[in-house]
Amino acid sequence: MTDEVGIKETKEMIGFIVELGNGVGKSLEDGEWNVTDFVHFMDALMMAPAAFQGMNQIPAEFEDLSEAEIKELVDYVVEEFDIPQDQVEAVIERAIDIAWDIYELIKMIGQM
């Protein structure tokens, strides 16, 4: 058994965020928003429960990120999403920032 925290929750949140971004991108292809764009967000909606369920574990995963886990996250984004290789690192960094902001926001709301 290992002391490693893992990246399961981080990976699920990154997946959700990128799918949400993909939905926005697909929706903007025709230059206008309408009710039919809802279909572009179905994958993100399906991923949302898993992404948010364990998000309180993400800070511990961030603190414990190893080089191998960072590479795994990069490989995950490359494999699962249609993002050019030279943009993957920026997407992951931004997704992690967004995940952290979401976590902090939910924590703040919980304290109200």
Protein backbone atom coordinates (compact mmCIF):
# COMPACT_ATOMS: atom_id res chain seq x y z
CA MET A 1 0.00 0.00 0.00
CA THR A 2 1.19 3.52 -0.78
CA ASP A 3 0.91 6.84 1.06
CA GLU A 4 0.10 8.59 -2.21
CA VAL A 5 -3.16 10.52 -2.21
CA GLY A 6 -3.82 10.04 -5.93
CA ILE A 7 -5.50 12.26 -8.50
CA LYS A 8 -8.93 10.69 -9.00
CA GLU A 9 -10.92 13.71 -7.84
CA THR A 10 -8.65 16.18 -9.65
CA LYS A 11 -8.97 14.19 -12.86
CA GLU A 12 -12.76 14.10 -12.56
CA MET A 13 -12.93 17.87 -12.01
CA ILE A 14 -10.56 18.59 -14.91
CA GLY A 15 -12.66 16.32 -17.11
CA PHE A 16 -15.81 18.19 -16.15
CA ILE A 17 -14.23 21.61 -16.73
CA VAL A 18 -12.82 20.67 -20.12
CA GLU A 19 -16.12 19.14 -21.22
CA LEU A 20 -17.87 22.32 -20.13
CA GLY A 21 -15.39 24.29 -22.24
CA ASN A 22 -15.98 21.94 -25.17
CA GLY A 23 -19.71 22.60 -24.83
CA VAL A 24 -19.17 26.34 -24.94
CA GLY A 25 -16.89 25.98 -27.96
CA LYS A 26 -19.42 23.85 -29.85
CA SER A 27 -22.22 26.23 -28.94
CA LEU A 28 -20.33 29.23 -30.29
CA GLU A 29 -19.52 27.61 -33.64
CA ASP A 30 -22.65 29.04 -35.26
CA GLY A 31 -22.21 32.44 -33.61
CA GLU A 32 -25.38 32.38 -31.54
CA TRP A 33 -26.82 30.83 -28.40
CA ASN A 34 -30.15 29.03 -28.41
CA VAL A 35 -31.94 26.19 -26.66
CA THR A 36 -30.52 23.59 -29.05
CA ASP A 37 -27.05 24.30 -27.61
CA PHE A 38 -28.10 22.37 -24.49
CA VAL A 39 -27.09 19.14 -26.21
CA HIS A 40 -23.45 20.33 -26.26
CA PHE A 41 -23.38 20.31 -22.46
CA MET A 42 -24.71 16.79 -21.90
CA ASP A 43 -21.26 15.24 -21.41
CA ALA A 44 -20.36 17.89 -18.83
CA LEU A 45 -23.68 17.40 -17.04
CA MET A 46 -23.09 13.65 -16.89
CA MET A 47 -19.64 14.22 -15.37
CA ALA A 48 -20.78 16.84 -12.83
CA PRO A 49 -21.91 14.50 -10.00
CA ALA A 50 -18.57 12.67 -9.87
CA ALA A 51 -16.62 15.91 -10.26
CA PHE A 52 -18.33 17.64 -7.35
CA GLN A 53 -18.85 14.66 -5.06
CA GLY A 54 -15.21 14.35 -4.01
CA MET A 55 -14.02 17.87 -4.65
CA ASN A 56 -13.12 18.38 -0.98
CA GLN A 57 -10.27 15.93 -1.60
CA ILE A 58 -8.78 18.00 -4.44
CA PRO A 59 -6.64 20.28 -2.22
CA ALA A 60 -4.90 17.24 -0.71
CA GLU A 61 -4.36 15.84 -4.20
CA PHE A 62 -2.86 19.17 -5.32
CA GLU A 63 -0.45 19.18 -2.40
CA ASP A 64 0.65 15.64 -3.20
CA LEU A 65 1.03 15.94 -7.01
CA SER A 66 4.05 14.06 -8.29
CA GLU A 67 5.70 14.44 -11.69
CA ALA A 68 4.14 11.12 -12.73
CA GLU A 69 0.67 12.35 -11.74
CA ILE A 70 1.13 15.60 -13.65
CA LYS A 71 2.12 13.56 -16.69
CA GLU A 72 -0.94 11.36 -16.16
CA LEU A 73 -3.17 14.45 -16.14
CA VAL A 74 -1.55 15.73 -19.33
CA ASP A 75 -1.97 12.32 -20.99
CA TYR A 76 -5.61 12.21 -19.83
CA VAL A 77 -6.40 15.55 -21.44
CA VAL A 78 -4.60 14.59 -24.64
CA GLU A 79 -6.38 11.23 -24.84
CA GLU A 80 -9.88 12.29 -23.83
CA PHE A 81 -10.21 15.70 -25.40
CA ASP A 82 -9.49 17.27 -28.75
CA ILE A 83 -6.96 19.86 -27.60
CA PRO A 84 -3.73 20.56 -29.52
CA GLN A 85 -0.66 19.18 -27.72
CA ASP A 86 0.93 22.61 -27.32
CA GLN A 87 -2.16 23.85 -25.44
CA VAL A 88 -2.60 20.90 -23.06
CA GLU A 89 -0.41 22.23 -20.26
CA ALA A 90 -2.17 25.61 -20.29
CA VAL A 91 -5.58 23.88 -20.25
CA ILE A 92 -4.62 21.71 -17.28
CA GLU A 93 -3.18 24.64 -15.33
CA ARG A 94 -6.32 26.67 -15.96
CA ALA A 95 -8.57 23.73 -15.09
CA ILE A 96 -6.74 23.25 -11.80
CA ASP A 97 -7.11 26.98 -11.04
CA ILE A 98 -10.84 26.79 -11.80
CA ALA A 99 -11.25 23.64 -9.69
CA TRP A 100 -9.54 25.37 -6.78
CA ASP A 101 -11.73 28.47 -7.18
CA ILE A 102 -14.88 26.33 -7.24
CA TYR A 103 -13.73 24.53 -4.11
CA GLU A 104 -13.03 27.83 -2.32
CA LEU A 105 -16.41 29.26 -3.40
CA ILE A 106 -18.32 26.23 -2.13
CA LYS A 107 -16.36 26.34 1.13
CA MET A 108 -17.22 30.04 1.51
CA ILE A 109 -20.91 29.40 0.84
CA GLY A 110 -20.88 26.56 3.35
CA GLN A 111 -19.61 28.93 6.03
CA MET A 112 -22.48 31.41 5.52
